[in-house]
PDB file of N, CA and C in Angstrom:
ATOM      1  N   UNK A   1     -36.294   4.251  36.260  1.00  0.00           N
ATOM      2  CA  UNK A   1     -36.620   2.956  36.823  1.00  0.00           C
ATOM      3  C   UNK A   1     -37.939   2.473  36.220  1.00  0.00           C
ATOM      4  N   UNK A   2     -38.017   1.196  35.943  1.00  0.00           N
ATOM      5  CA  UNK A   2     -39.232   0.640  35.375  1.00  0.00           C
ATOM      6  C   UNK A   2     -40.044  -0.083  36.439  1.00  0.00           C
ATOM      7  N   UNK A   3     -41.303  -0.270  36.138  1.00  0.00           N
ATOM      8  CA  UNK A   3     -42.215  -0.897  37.088  1.00  0.00           C
ATOM      9  C   UNK A   3     -42.920  -2.045  36.416  1.00  0.00           C
ATOM     10  N   UNK A   4     -43.426  -3.005  37.088  1.00  0.00           N
ATOM     11  CA  UNK A   4     -43.432  -3.098  38.543  1.00  0.00           C
ATOM     12  C   UNK A   4     -42.061  -3.501  39.081  1.00  0.00           C
ATOM     13  N   UNK A   5     -41.895  -3.264  40.366  1.00  0.00           N
ATOM     14  CA  UNK A   5     -40.701  -3.729  41.060  1.00  0.00           C
ATOM     15  C   UNK A   5     -41.095  -4.920  41.913  1.00  0.00           C
ATOM     16  N   UNK A   6     -40.193  -5.851  42.027  1.00  0.00           N
ATOM     17  CA  UNK A   6     -40.432  -7.072  42.787  1.00  0.00           C
ATOM     18  C   UNK A   6     -39.508  -7.109  43.995  1.00  0.00           C
ATOM     19  N   UNK A   7     -39.957  -7.815  45.024  1.00  0.00           N
ATOM     20  CA  UNK A   7     -39.116  -8.032  46.203  1.00  0.00           C
ATOM     21  C   UNK A   7     -39.452  -9.401  46.775  1.00  0.00           C
ATOM     22  N   UNK A   8     -38.465  -9.982  47.428  1.00  0.00           N
ATOM     23  CA  UNK A   8     -38.738 -11.265  48.071  1.00  0.00           C
ATOM     24  C   UNK A   8     -39.521 -11.003  49.345  1.00  0.00           C
ATOM     25  N   UNK A   9     -40.304 -11.992  49.727  1.00  0.00           N
ATOM     26  CA  UNK A   9     -41.043 -11.849  50.979  1.00  0.00           C
ATOM     27  C   UNK A   9     -40.062 -11.927  52.124  1.00  0.00           C
ATOM     28  N   UNK A  10     -40.091 -10.969  53.015  1.00  0.00           N
ATOM     29  CA  UNK A  10     -39.111 -10.966  54.105  1.00  0.00           C
ATOM     30  C   UNK A  10     -39.280 -12.133  55.072  1.00  0.00           C
ATOM     31  N   UNK A  11     -40.456 -12.747  55.075  1.00  0.00           N
ATOM     32  CA  UNK A  11     -40.704 -13.853  56.000  1.00  0.00           C
ATOM     33  C   UNK A  11     -40.499 -15.222  55.351  1.00  0.00           C
ATOM     34  N   UNK A  12     -39.950 -15.260  54.133  1.00  0.00           N
ATOM     35  CA  UNK A  12     -39.702 -16.533  53.455  1.00  0.00           C
ATOM     36  C   UNK A  12     -38.349 -17.068  53.896  1.00  0.00           C
ATOM     37  N   UNK A  13     -38.329 -18.155  54.652  1.00  0.00           N
ATOM     38  CA  UNK A  13     -37.054 -18.691  55.124  1.00  0.00           C
ATOM     39  C   UNK A  13     -36.248 -19.304  53.981  1.00  0.00           C
ATOM     40  N   UNK A  14     -34.950 -19.077  54.017  1.00  0.00           N
ATOM     41  CA  UNK A  14     -34.063 -19.607  52.990  1.00  0.00           C
ATOM     42  C   UNK A  14     -32.759 -20.053  53.636  1.00  0.00           C
ATOM     43  N   UNK A  15     -32.144 -21.077  53.048  1.00  0.00           N
ATOM     44  CA  UNK A  15     -30.871 -21.591  53.565  1.00  0.00           C
ATOM     45  C   UNK A  15     -30.039 -22.123  52.406  1.00  0.00           C
ATOM     46  N   UNK A  16     -28.749 -21.973  52.537  1.00  0.00           N
ATOM     47  CA  UNK A  16     -27.825 -22.492  51.535  1.00  0.00           C
ATOM     48  C   UNK A  16     -27.531 -23.953  51.843  1.00  0.00           C
ATOM     49  N   UNK A  17     -27.548 -24.771  50.803  1.00  0.00           N
ATOM     50  CA  UNK A  17     -27.207 -26.179  50.928  1.00  0.00           C
ATOM     51  C   UNK A  17     -26.298 -26.515  49.758  1.00  0.00           C
ATOM     52  N   UNK A  18     -25.020 -26.591  50.023  1.00  0.00           N
ATOM     53  CA  UNK A  18     -24.063 -26.793  48.941  1.00  0.00           C
ATOM     54  C   UNK A  18     -24.060 -25.592  48.023  1.00  0.00           C
ATOM     55  N   UNK A  19     -24.263 -25.828  46.736  1.00  0.00           N
ATOM     56  CA  UNK A  19     -24.278 -24.719  45.767  1.00  0.00           C
ATOM     57  C   UNK A  19     -25.691 -24.281  45.421  1.00  0.00           C
ATOM     58  N   UNK A  20     -26.657 -24.682  46.223  1.00  0.00           N
ATOM     59  CA  UNK A  20     -28.058 -24.314  45.973  1.00  0.00           C
ATOM     60  C   UNK A  20     -28.604 -23.494  47.140  1.00  0.00           C
ATOM     61  N   UNK A  21     -29.631 -22.743  46.831  1.00  0.00           N
ATOM     62  CA  UNK A  21     -30.362 -22.031  47.865  1.00  0.00           C
ATOM     63  C   UNK A  21     -31.727 -22.685  47.959  1.00  0.00           C
ATOM     64  N   UNK A  22     -32.130 -23.032  49.149  1.00  0.00           N
ATOM     65  CA  UNK A  22     -33.448 -23.617  49.369  1.00  0.00           C
ATOM     66  C   UNK A  22     -34.321 -22.581  50.051  1.00  0.00           C
ATOM     67  N   UNK A  23     -35.475 -22.305  49.454  1.00  0.00           N
ATOM     68  CA  UNK A  23     -36.445 -21.358  50.005  1.00  0.00           C
ATOM     69  C   UNK A  23     -37.681 -22.165  50.363  1.00  0.00           C
ATOM     70  N   UNK A  24     -38.184 -21.969  51.573  1.00  0.00           N
ATOM     71  CA  UNK A  24     -39.353 -22.719  52.013  1.00  0.00           C
ATOM     72  C   UNK A  24     -40.629 -22.072  51.493  1.00  0.00           C
ATOM     73  N   UNK A  25     -41.364 -22.841  50.714  1.00  0.00           N
ATOM     74  CA  UNK A  25     -42.695 -22.439  50.260  1.00  0.00           C
ATOM     75  C   UNK A  25     -43.654 -22.930  51.339  1.00  0.00           C
ATOM     76  N   UNK A  26     -43.943 -22.065  52.301  1.00  0.00           N
ATOM     77  CA  UNK A  26     -44.715 -22.439  53.475  1.00  0.00           C
ATOM     78  C   UNK A  26     -46.115 -22.912  53.092  1.00  0.00           C
ATOM     79  N   UNK A  27     -46.742 -22.241  52.149  1.00  0.00           N
ATOM     80  CA  UNK A  27     -48.112 -22.583  51.753  1.00  0.00           C
ATOM     81  C   UNK A  27     -48.219 -24.009  51.233  1.00  0.00           C
ATOM     82  N   UNK A  28     -47.180 -24.471  50.551  1.00  0.00           N
ATOM     83  CA  UNK A  28     -47.205 -25.823  49.979  1.00  0.00           C
ATOM     84  C   UNK A  28     -46.350 -26.805  50.769  1.00  0.00           C
ATOM     85  N   UNK A  29     -45.728 -26.332  51.846  1.00  0.00           N
ATOM     86  CA  UNK A  29     -44.852 -27.147  52.678  1.00  0.00           C
ATOM     87  C   UNK A  29     -43.793 -27.872  51.839  1.00  0.00           C
ATOM     88  N   UNK A  30     -43.170 -27.102  50.946  1.00  0.00           N
ATOM     89  CA  UNK A  30     -42.121 -27.646  50.070  1.00  0.00           C
ATOM     90  C   UNK A  30     -40.988 -26.640  49.961  1.00  0.00           C
ATOM     91  N   UNK A  31     -39.815 -27.192  49.699  1.00  0.00           N
ATOM     92  CA  UNK A  31     -38.673 -26.328  49.437  1.00  0.00           C
ATOM     93  C   UNK A  31     -38.564 -26.084  47.943  1.00  0.00           C
ATOM     94  N   UNK A  32     -38.173 -24.873  47.593  1.00  0.00           N
ATOM     95  CA  UNK A  32     -37.884 -24.507  46.209  1.00  0.00           C
ATOM     96  C   UNK A  32     -36.373 -24.378  46.123  1.00  0.00           C
ATOM     97  N   UNK A  33     -35.761 -25.163  45.240  1.00  0.00           N
ATOM     98  CA  UNK A  33     -34.313 -25.112  45.081  1.00  0.00           C
ATOM     99  C   UNK A  33     -33.931 -24.138  43.972  1.00  0.00           C
ATOM    100  N   UNK A  34     -32.985 -23.266  44.267  1.00  0.00           N
ATOM    101  CA  UNK A  34     -32.494 -22.306  43.275  1.00  0.00           C
ATOM    102  C   UNK A  34     -31.017 -22.557  43.036  1.00  0.00           C
ATOM    103  N   UNK A  35     -30.616 -22.553  41.771  1.00  0.00           N
ATOM    104  CA  UNK A  35     -29.207 -22.709  41.425  1.00  0.00           C
ATOM    105  C   UNK A  35     -28.468 -21.402  41.734  1.00  0.00           C
ATOM    106  N   UNK A  36     -27.207 -21.305  41.338  1.00  0.00           N
ATOM    107  CA  UNK A  36     -26.393 -20.123  41.649  1.00  0.00           C
ATOM    108  C   UNK A  36     -27.020 -18.842  41.099  1.00  0.00           C
ATOM    109  N   UNK A  37     -27.543 -18.890  39.881  1.00  0.00           N
ATOM    110  CA  UNK A  37     -28.155 -17.697  39.289  1.00  0.00           C
ATOM    111  C   UNK A  37     -29.442 -17.356  40.041  1.00  0.00           C
ATOM    112  N   UNK A  38     -30.260 -18.355  40.333  1.00  0.00           N
ATOM    113  CA  UNK A  38     -31.480 -18.124  41.094  1.00  0.00           C
ATOM    114  C   UNK A  38     -31.202 -17.592  42.486  1.00  0.00           C
ATOM    115  N   UNK A  39     -30.133 -18.113  43.099  1.00  0.00           N
ATOM    116  CA  UNK A  39     -29.745 -17.632  44.427  1.00  0.00           C
ATOM    117  C   UNK A  39     -29.334 -16.167  44.370  1.00  0.00           C
ATOM    118  N   UNK A  40     -28.634 -15.784  43.299  1.00  0.00           N
ATOM    119  CA  UNK A  40     -28.240 -14.379  43.152  1.00  0.00           C
ATOM    120  C   UNK A  40     -29.458 -13.505  42.927  1.00  0.00           C
ATOM    121  N   UNK A  41     -30.402 -13.979  42.119  1.00  0.00           N
ATOM    122  CA  UNK A  41     -31.652 -13.256  41.902  1.00  0.00           C
ATOM    123  C   UNK A  41     -32.357 -13.051  43.244  1.00  0.00           C
ATOM    124  N   UNK A  42     -32.418 -14.095  44.052  1.00  0.00           N
ATOM    125  CA  UNK A  42     -33.042 -14.016  45.374  1.00  0.00           C
ATOM    126  C   UNK A  42     -32.343 -12.953  46.225  1.00  0.00           C
ATOM    127  N   UNK A  43     -31.016 -12.954  46.214  1.00  0.00           N
ATOM    128  CA  UNK A  43     -30.263 -11.966  46.997  1.00  0.00           C
ATOM    129  C   UNK A  43     -30.549 -10.552  46.504  1.00  0.00           C
ATOM    130  N   UNK A  44     -30.607 -10.369  45.192  1.00  0.00           N
ATOM    131  CA  UNK A  44     -30.897  -9.051  44.633  1.00  0.00           C
ATOM    132  C   UNK A  44     -32.273  -8.547  45.050  1.00  0.00           C
ATOM    133  N   UNK A  45     -33.210  -9.475  45.234  1.00  0.00           N
ATOM    134  CA  UNK A  45     -34.582  -9.093  45.570  1.00  0.00           C
ATOM    135  C   UNK A  45     -34.765  -8.705  47.038  1.00  0.00           C
ATOM    136  N   UNK A  46     -33.657  -8.577  47.759  1.00  0.00           N
ATOM    137  CA  UNK A  46     -33.746  -8.063  49.130  1.00  0.00           C
ATOM    138  C   UNK A  46     -34.278  -6.627  49.103  1.00  0.00           C
ATOM    139  N   UNK A  47     -33.938  -5.902  48.022  1.00  0.00           N
ATOM    140  CA  UNK A  47     -34.496  -4.577  47.802  1.00  0.00           C
ATOM    141  C   UNK A  47     -35.326  -4.638  46.520  1.00  0.00           C
ATOM    142  N   UNK A  48     -36.393  -3.882  46.445  1.00  0.00           N
ATOM    143  CA  UNK A  48     -37.268  -3.943  45.269  1.00  0.00           C
ATOM    144  C   UNK A  48     -36.536  -3.561  43.989  1.00  0.00           C
ATOM    145  N   UNK A  49     -36.691  -4.411  42.965  1.00  0.00           N
ATOM    146  CA  UNK A  49     -36.095  -4.169  41.655  1.00  0.00           C
ATOM    147  C   UNK A  49     -37.083  -4.563  40.571  1.00  0.00           C
ATOM    148  N   UNK A  50     -36.973  -3.882  39.442  1.00  0.00           N
ATOM    149  CA  UNK A  50     -37.782  -4.271  38.281  1.00  0.00           C
ATOM    150  C   UNK A  50     -37.125  -5.470  37.612  1.00  0.00           C
ATOM    151  N   UNK A  51     -37.874  -6.122  36.738  1.00  0.00           N
ATOM    152  CA  UNK A  51     -37.316  -7.235  35.972  1.00  0.00           C
ATOM    153  C   UNK A  51     -36.141  -6.751  35.136  1.00  0.00           C
ATOM    154  N   UNK A  52     -36.236  -5.554  34.564  1.00  0.00           N
ATOM    155  CA  UNK A  52     -35.129  -4.996  33.777  1.00  0.00           C
ATOM    156  C   UNK A  52     -33.879  -4.802  34.635  1.00  0.00           C
ATOM    157  N   UNK A  53     -34.059  -4.327  35.865  1.00  0.00           N
ATOM    158  CA  UNK A  53     -32.925  -4.143  36.771  1.00  0.00           C
ATOM    159  C   UNK A  53     -32.307  -5.490  37.142  1.00  0.00           C
ATOM    160  N   UNK A  54     -33.143  -6.480  37.381  1.00  0.00           N
ATOM    161  CA  UNK A  54     -32.632  -7.817  37.693  1.00  0.00           C
ATOM    162  C   UNK A  54     -31.806  -8.360  36.532  1.00  0.00           C
ATOM    163  N   UNK A  55     -32.334  -8.242  35.328  1.00  0.00           N
ATOM    164  CA  UNK A  55     -31.628  -8.730  34.139  1.00  0.00           C
ATOM    165  C   UNK A  55     -30.291  -8.009  33.992  1.00  0.00           C
ATOM    166  N   UNK A  56     -30.278  -6.714  34.168  1.00  0.00           N
ATOM    167  CA  UNK A  56     -29.034  -5.951  34.037  1.00  0.00           C
ATOM    168  C   UNK A  56     -27.984  -6.428  35.048  1.00  0.00           C
ATOM    169  N   UNK A  57     -28.407  -6.659  36.273  1.00  0.00           N
ATOM    170  CA  UNK A  57     -27.484  -7.152  37.296  1.00  0.00           C
ATOM    171  C   UNK A  57     -26.963  -8.540  36.950  1.00  0.00           C
ATOM    172  N   UNK A  58     -27.853  -9.414  36.527  1.00  0.00           N
ATOM    173  CA  UNK A  58     -27.443 -10.784  36.209  1.00  0.00           C
ATOM    174  C   UNK A  58     -26.526 -10.820  34.988  1.00  0.00           C
ATOM    175  N   UNK A  59     -26.804  -9.989  33.989  1.00  0.00           N
ATOM    176  CA  UNK A  59     -25.942  -9.922  32.809  1.00  0.00           C
ATOM    177  C   UNK A  59     -24.533  -9.469  33.172  1.00  0.00           C
ATOM    178  N   UNK A  60     -24.426  -8.587  34.146  1.00  0.00           N
ATOM    179  CA  UNK A  60     -23.121  -8.091  34.568  1.00  0.00           C
ATOM    180  C   UNK A  60     -22.318  -9.145  35.333  1.00  0.00           C
ATOM    181  N   UNK A  61     -23.018 -10.121  35.896  1.00  0.00           N
ATOM    182  CA  UNK A  61     -22.348 -11.093  36.758  1.00  0.00           C
ATOM    183  C   UNK A  61     -22.187 -12.485  36.151  1.00  0.00           C
ATOM    184  N   UNK A  62     -22.996 -12.826  35.167  1.00  0.00           N
ATOM    185  CA  UNK A  62     -22.973 -14.179  34.607  1.00  0.00           C
ATOM    186  C   UNK A  62     -22.757 -14.125  33.100  1.00  0.00           C
ATOM    187  N   UNK A  63     -22.159 -15.176  32.588  1.00  0.00           N
ATOM    188  CA  UNK A  63     -21.902 -15.284  31.150  1.00  0.00           C
ATOM    189  C   UNK A  63     -23.134 -15.889  30.477  1.00  0.00           C
ATOM    190  N   UNK A  64     -24.052 -15.017  30.087  1.00  0.00           N
ATOM    191  CA  UNK A  64     -25.303 -15.443  29.458  1.00  0.00           C
ATOM    192  C   UNK A  64     -25.729 -14.357  28.478  1.00  0.00           C
ATOM    193  N   UNK A  65     -26.386 -14.759  27.399  1.00  0.00           N
ATOM    194  CA  UNK A  65     -26.841 -13.736  26.449  1.00  0.00           C
ATOM    195  C   UNK A  65     -28.101 -13.060  26.982  1.00  0.00           C
ATOM    196  N   UNK A  66     -28.326 -11.845  26.524  1.00  0.00           N
ATOM    197  CA  UNK A  66     -29.409 -11.006  27.045  1.00  0.00           C
ATOM    198  C   UNK A  66     -30.785 -11.635  26.852  1.00  0.00           C
ATOM    199  N   UNK A  67     -31.040 -12.210  25.687  1.00  0.00           N
ATOM    200  CA  UNK A  67     -32.368 -12.792  25.419  1.00  0.00           C
ATOM    201  C   UNK A  67     -32.652 -13.951  26.374  1.00  0.00           C
ATOM    202  N   UNK A  68     -31.680 -14.817  26.551  1.00  0.00           N
ATOM    203  CA  UNK A  68     -31.855 -15.954  27.460  1.00  0.00           C
ATOM    204  C   UNK A  68     -32.054 -15.476  28.891  1.00  0.00           C
ATOM    205  N   UNK A  69     -31.281 -14.481  29.284  1.00  0.00           N
ATOM    206  CA  UNK A  69     -31.394 -13.945  30.640  1.00  0.00           C
ATOM    207  C   UNK A  69     -32.782 -13.366  30.885  1.00  0.00           C
ATOM    208  N   UNK A  70     -33.309 -12.613  29.918  1.00  0.00           N
ATOM    209  CA  UNK A  70     -34.654 -12.033  30.072  1.00  0.00           C
ATOM    210  C   UNK A  70     -35.717 -13.133  30.211  1.00  0.00           C
ATOM    211  N   UNK A  71     -35.636 -14.119  29.335  1.00  0.00           N
ATOM    212  CA  UNK A  71     -36.627 -15.205  29.346  1.00  0.00           C
ATOM    213  C   UNK A  71     -36.582 -15.984  30.658  1.00  0.00           C
ATOM    214  N   UNK A  72     -35.375 -16.338  31.083  1.00  0.00           N
ATOM    215  CA  UNK A  72     -35.249 -17.144  32.296  1.00  0.00           C
ATOM    216  C   UNK A  72     -35.558 -16.347  33.557  1.00  0.00           C
ATOM    217  N   UNK A  73     -35.183 -15.076  33.579  1.00  0.00           N
ATOM    218  CA  UNK A  73     -35.523 -14.227  34.724  1.00  0.00           C
ATOM    219  C   UNK A  73     -37.032 -14.087  34.839  1.00  0.00           C
ATOM    220  N   UNK A  74     -37.709 -13.855  33.724  1.00  0.00           N
ATOM    221  CA  UNK A  74     -39.176 -13.744  33.743  1.00  0.00           C
ATOM    222  C   UNK A  74     -39.812 -15.040  34.226  1.00  0.00           C
ATOM    223  N   UNK A  75     -39.295 -16.174  33.796  1.00  0.00           N
ATOM    224  CA  UNK A  75     -39.861 -17.465  34.208  1.00  0.00           C
ATOM    225  C   UNK A  75     -39.674 -17.692  35.705  1.00  0.00           C
ATOM    226  N   UNK A  76     -38.490 -17.384  36.218  1.00  0.00           N
ATOM    227  CA  UNK A  76     -38.242 -17.568  37.653  1.00  0.00           C
ATOM    228  C   UNK A  76     -39.116 -16.613  38.458  1.00  0.00           C
ATOM    229  N   UNK A  77     -39.218 -15.368  38.021  1.00  0.00           N
ATOM    230  CA  UNK A  77     -40.088 -14.414  38.728  1.00  0.00           C
ATOM    231  C   UNK A  77     -41.536 -14.893  38.750  1.00  0.00           C
ATOM    232  N   UNK A  78     -42.037 -15.347  37.597  1.00  0.00           N
ATOM    233  CA  UNK A  78     -43.425 -15.845  37.545  1.00  0.00           C
ATOM    234  C   UNK A  78     -43.627 -16.984  38.547  1.00  0.00           C
ATOM    235  N   UNK A  79     -42.681 -17.911  38.579  1.00  0.00           N
ATOM    236  CA  UNK A  79     -42.789 -19.052  39.480  1.00  0.00           C
ATOM    237  C   UNK A  79     -42.755 -18.615  40.942  1.00  0.00           C
ATOM    238  N   UNK A  80     -41.814 -17.745  41.283  1.00  0.00           N
ATOM    239  CA  UNK A  80     -41.695 -17.309  42.675  1.00  0.00           C
ATOM    240  C   UNK A  80     -42.880 -16.446  43.104  1.00  0.00           C
ATOM    241  N   UNK A  81     -43.420 -15.651  42.189  1.00  0.00           N
ATOM    242  CA  UNK A  81     -44.629 -14.870  42.511  1.00  0.00           C
ATOM    243  C   UNK A  81     -45.812 -15.811  42.692  1.00  0.00           C
ATOM    244  N   UNK A  82     -45.968 -16.794  41.814  1.00  0.00           N
ATOM    245  CA  UNK A  82     -47.078 -17.748  41.914  1.00  0.00           C
ATOM    246  C   UNK A  82     -47.023 -18.514  43.238  1.00  0.00           C
ATOM    247  N   UNK A  83     -45.827 -18.782  43.727  1.00  0.00           N
ATOM    248  CA  UNK A  83     -45.666 -19.496  44.995  1.00  0.00           C
ATOM    249  C   UNK A  83     -45.808 -18.573  46.209  1.00  0.00           C
ATOM    250  N   UNK A  84     -45.893 -17.274  45.960  1.00  0.00           N
ATOM    251  CA  UNK A  84     -46.017 -16.320  47.059  1.00  0.00           C
ATOM    252  C   UNK A  84     -44.705 -16.015  47.751  1.00  0.00           C
ATOM    253  N   UNK A  85     -43.582 -16.361  47.113  1.00  0.00           N
ATOM    254  CA  UNK A  85     -42.263 -16.103  47.710  1.00  0.00           C
ATOM    255  C   UNK A  85     -41.700 -14.754  47.317  1.00  0.00           C
ATOM    256  N   UNK A  86     -42.164 -14.235  46.208  1.00  0.00           N
ATOM    257  CA  UNK A  86     -41.795 -12.901  45.724  1.00  0.00           C
ATOM    258  C   UNK A  86     -43.098 -12.161  45.485  1.00  0.00           C
ATOM    259  N   UNK A  87     -43.084 -10.872  45.776  1.00  0.00           N
ATOM    260  CA  UNK A  87     -44.290 -10.073  45.603  1.00  0.00           C
ATOM    261  C   UNK A  87     -43.968  -8.778  44.876  1.00  0.00           C
ATOM    262  N   UNK A  88     -44.983  -8.188  44.308  1.00  0.00           N
ATOM    263  CA  UNK A  88     -44.841  -6.878  43.684  1.00  0.00           C
ATOM    264  C   UNK A  88     -44.739  -5.853  44.807  1.00  0.00           C
ATOM    265  N   UNK A  89     -43.749  -4.991  44.713  1.00  0.00           N
ATOM    266  CA  UNK A  89     -43.533  -3.971  45.729  1.00  0.00           C
ATOM    267  C   UNK A  89     -44.747  -3.034  45.762  1.00  0.00           C
ATOM    268  N   UNK A  90     -45.400  -2.904  46.914  1.00  0.00           N
ATOM    269  CA  UNK A  90     -46.596  -2.070  46.976  1.00  0.00           C
ATOM    270  C   UNK A  90     -46.298  -0.571  46.993  1.00  0.00           C
ATOM    271  N   UNK A  91     -45.033  -0.171  47.139  1.00  0.00           N
ATOM    272  CA  UNK A  91     -44.682   1.243  47.238  1.00  0.00           C
ATOM    273  C   UNK A  91     -43.807   1.658  46.062  1.00  0.00           C
ATOM    274  N   UNK A  92     -44.416   2.070  44.942  1.00  0.00           N
ATOM    275  CA  UNK A  92     -43.632   2.451  43.758  1.00  0.00           C
ATOM    276  C   UNK A  92     -42.808   3.712  43.942  1.00  0.00           C
ATOM    277  N   UNK A  93     -43.036   4.448  45.004  1.00  0.00           N
ATOM    278  CA  UNK A  93     -42.315   5.701  45.229  1.00  0.00           C
ATOM    279  C   UNK A  93     -41.070   5.518  46.088  1.00  0.00           C
ATOM    280  N   UNK A  94     -40.888   4.335  46.636  1.00  0.00           N
ATOM    281  CA  UNK A  94     -39.734   4.109  47.542  1.00  0.00           C
ATOM    282  C   UNK A  94     -38.436   4.076  46.800  1.00  0.00           C
TER     283      UNK A  94
END
């Protein structure tokens, strides 16, 4: 397993609206909309995973090339971490 591992904040409210997932960014009082791939990434982050693990899961489920998946997964993770919706798992031994 590679590190760091990421997880979604358990207190970040989220709701499905049509084919999108809306996550409330409480600090900014705004919703963050995620498409189907982003919604799946969010679901995967219920348990701590590394970026490599996320990419592997997404590659198995979506028709996308590996390079694009890595780039886009990293971008979404950076954005969600910057918003405080995803955090680095503090327990690397779990």
